[in-house]
Protein backbone atom coordinates (compact mmCIF):
# COMPACT_ATOMS: atom_id res chain seq x y z
CA MET A 1 0.00 0.00 0.00
CA ASN A 2 2.86 2.39 0.82
CA LYS A 3 4.45 1.73 -2.58
CA THR A 4 1.17 2.44 -4.40
CA PHE A 5 0.61 5.63 -2.40
CA LEU A 6 4.21 6.75 -3.08
CA ALA A 7 3.82 6.00 -6.82
CA ILE A 8 0.61 8.07 -6.98
CA ILE A 9 2.24 11.00 -5.16
CA LEU A 10 5.31 10.88 -7.44
CA GLY A 11 3.04 10.68 -10.50
CA LEU A 12 1.06 13.72 -9.38
CA ILE A 13 4.27 15.65 -8.70
CA PHE A 14 5.59 14.73 -12.16
CA ILE A 15 2.35 15.86 -13.82
CA ALA A 16 2.40 19.12 -11.84
CA VAL A 17 6.02 19.82 -12.84
CA VAL A 18 5.34 19.12 -16.52
CA ALA A 19 2.20 21.28 -16.47
CA TYR A 20 4.05 24.11 -14.70
CA CYS A 21 6.91 23.98 -17.21
CA TYR A 22 4.54 23.97 -20.17
CA ILE A 23 2.33 26.77 -18.86
CA GLY A 24 5.32 28.77 -17.60
CA THR A 25 7.02 28.57 -21.02
CA GLU A 26 3.84 29.65 -22.80
CA ASP A 27 3.47 32.67 -20.49
CA LEU A 28 7.09 33.59 -21.10
CA VAL A 29 6.61 33.56 -24.88
CA VAL A 30 3.50 35.74 -24.54
CA GLU A 31 5.41 38.17 -22.29
CA GLU A 32 8.34 38.34 -24.74
CA ASN A 33 5.97 39.05 -27.65
CA ASN A 34 4.20 41.75 -25.67
CA SER A 35 7.43 43.39 -24.57
CA SER A 36 8.78 43.52 -28.12
CA ALA A 37 5.50 45.01 -29.29
CA ASP A 38 5.73 47.57 -26.51
CA ASN A 39 9.28 48.41 -27.58
CA GLN A 40 8.16 48.96 -31.14
CA ASP A 41 5.44 51.34 -30.00
CA THR A 42 7.80 53.39 -27.84
CA THR A 43 10.63 53.73 -30.36
CA ASP A 44 9.02 56.09 -32.85
CA ASP A 45 12.42 57.72 -33.42
CA TYR A 46 14.07 54.41 -34.43
CA GLN A 47 15.33 54.48 -37.99
CA PRO A 48 16.20 51.07 -39.44
CA ILE A 49 19.21 50.73 -41.69
CA GLU A 50 18.09 51.70 -45.14
CA GLU A 51 19.33 50.00 -48.28
CA TYR A 52 21.02 52.34 -50.72
CA THR A 53 19.13 53.82 -53.61
CA GLU A 54 19.82 57.08 -55.38
CA THR A 55 17.30 58.79 -53.08
CA ALA A 56 17.84 56.81 -49.86
CA LYS A 57 18.94 59.27 -47.21
CA SER A 58 20.01 61.64 -49.98
CA ASP A 59 19.31 64.48 -47.59
CA LEU A 60 22.15 63.14 -45.37
CA ILE A 61 24.64 61.22 -47.50
CA LYS A 62 25.36 60.92 -51.23
CA ILE A 63 27.65 58.13 -52.45
CA GLU A 64 29.61 58.87 -55.63
CA THR A 65 31.93 55.84 -55.71
CA PRO A 66 31.47 52.97 -55.83
CA LYS A 67 28.09 52.69 -57.46
CA ALA A 68 25.55 50.24 -56.06
CA GLY A 69 25.71 46.76 -57.59
CA VAL A 70 29.19 47.04 -59.13
CA ILE A 71 32.06 44.61 -58.60
CA VAL A 72 34.54 46.03 -56.09
CA GLY A 73 38.05 44.85 -55.32
CA SER A 74 40.12 45.44 -52.25
CA PRO A 75 40.83 48.18 -51.37
CA ILE A 76 37.49 49.84 -52.08
CA LYS A 77 37.83 53.53 -52.88
CA LEU A 78 34.96 55.53 -51.36
CA SER A 79 33.86 59.06 -52.15
CA GLY A 80 30.80 61.21 -51.86
CA GLN A 81 29.24 63.95 -49.83
CA VAL A 82 27.81 63.85 -46.35
CA ARG A 83 26.23 66.33 -43.99
CA GLY A 84 28.66 67.44 -41.33
CA THR A 85 26.25 66.13 -38.69
CA TRP A 86 26.96 62.56 -39.93
CA LEU A 87 30.60 62.93 -38.86
CA PHE A 88 32.49 63.23 -35.60
CA GLU A 89 36.03 64.55 -35.60
CA ALA A 90 35.72 64.61 -39.41
CA THR A 91 35.24 60.82 -39.69
CA ALA A 92 32.52 58.20 -39.88
CA PRO A 93 32.88 54.39 -39.77
CA VAL A 94 32.35 52.10 -42.75
CA VAL A 95 32.03 48.31 -42.71
CA VAL A 96 32.17 45.76 -45.53
CA THR A 97 30.23 42.53 -45.00
CA ASN A 98 29.69 39.42 -47.08
CA TRP A 99 26.32 37.94 -48.09
CA ASP A 100 25.97 36.39 -44.63
CA GLY A 101 26.71 39.56 -42.65
CA LEU A 102 30.25 38.51 -41.74
CA ILE A 103 32.45 41.59 -41.38
CA LEU A 104 35.26 41.38 -43.94
CA GLY A 105 36.72 44.86 -43.48
CA GLU A 106 36.36 47.99 -41.37
CA GLY A 107 37.55 51.54 -41.75
CA TYR A 108 36.27 55.06 -42.04
CA VAL A 109 35.63 57.90 -44.41
CA GLU A 110 37.15 61.30 -43.75
CA ALA A 111 35.83 64.76 -44.56
CA GLU A 112 37.79 66.89 -46.98
CA GLY A 113 37.23 70.31 -45.52
CA ASN A 114 35.34 71.86 -42.66
CA TRP A 115 33.10 69.16 -41.21
CA MET A 116 31.64 71.33 -38.44
CA THR A 117 28.63 72.35 -40.49
CA GLU A 118 25.15 71.12 -41.30
CA GLU A 119 25.91 71.48 -45.01
CA PHE A 120 27.27 68.76 -47.31
CA VAL A 121 30.99 68.06 -47.04
CA PRO A 122 32.98 65.93 -49.52
CA PHE A 123 34.50 62.75 -48.11
CA THR A 124 36.91 60.03 -49.23
CA GLY A 125 38.00 56.74 -47.78
CA GLU A 126 39.50 53.39 -48.52
CA ILE A 127 38.43 50.04 -47.06
CA ILE A 128 40.56 46.94 -47.28
CA TYR A 129 38.65 43.68 -47.07
CA GLU A 130 39.48 40.01 -47.40
CA GLN A 131 36.89 37.79 -49.05
CA VAL A 132 36.26 34.37 -47.50
CA PRO A 133 37.90 31.68 -49.69
CA ASP A 134 35.40 29.73 -51.80
CA SER A 135 32.59 32.01 -50.62
CA TYR A 136 29.05 30.89 -51.38
CA SER A 137 28.21 34.24 -52.93
CA ALA A 138 29.98 37.35 -54.17
CA SER A 139 27.21 39.53 -52.74
CA GLY A 140 28.41 42.03 -50.19
CA THR A 141 27.37 45.20 -48.48
CA ILE A 142 29.13 48.46 -47.72
CA ILE A 143 27.59 49.99 -44.60
CA PHE A 144 28.12 53.71 -44.07
CA ILE A 145 27.54 54.33 -40.35
CA LYS A 146 26.78 57.69 -38.78
CA SER A 147 29.32 58.63 -36.10
CA ASN A 148 27.62 58.54 -32.74
CA PRO A 149 30.03 59.46 -29.94
CA SER A 150 27.16 59.61 -27.43
CA GLY A 151 26.36 55.92 -27.86
CA LEU A 152 22.65 56.73 -27.56
CA PRO A 153 20.57 54.58 -29.94
CA GLU A 154 18.32 57.44 -30.98
CA TYR A 155 21.32 59.01 -32.75
CA ASP A 156 22.27 55.84 -34.64
CA ASP A 157 21.86 55.83 -38.39
CA ALA A 158 23.37 53.93 -41.31
CA LEU A 159 23.06 53.37 -45.02
CA GLU A 160 23.66 50.00 -46.71
CA MET A 161 24.81 49.67 -50.31
CA ASN A 162 24.89 46.29 -52.03
CA VAL A 163 27.95 45.45 -54.14
CA LEU A 164 29.65 42.36 -55.56
CA LEU A 165 32.94 41.47 -53.89
CA ASP A 166 35.81 40.44 -56.13
CA ASP A 167 37.28 37.26 -54.63
CA ASN A 168 40.59 37.81 -56.47
CA SER A 169 41.39 40.82 -54.28
């Protein structure tokens, strides 16, 4: 009788633990979904990275070289114009990634002239990258990142430009 009673108690405990874990996990998923929805509602100032087109962010940055979609070798020569507010200490970071988002090269562009203005300032730069051997795809992205010395996310901004990476570089 004691063994039967013990087996029933252990069975009930097991069922209670399984039910608690299942219900607890479901509540957690619901809470995570609600919190991400709340975050989306409260971040009206968030600006996602925008893919480059001739008009994308043209009020902030204008890329002259390279052109979107072209084959680029290493080093990549960069030039264009940017509003002085995009820069800090006359520079802004640039990253080159492969098709999978792996960072292949990092560097910066530098203003040619007075960058302490809200007007457009010419910039140049050069990014050295190293393509992954036998890469699945030649697709890559050059990401022009706004300098943000404050580190506050509301001042983050970036522009992505798709290119083809020359694997013979």
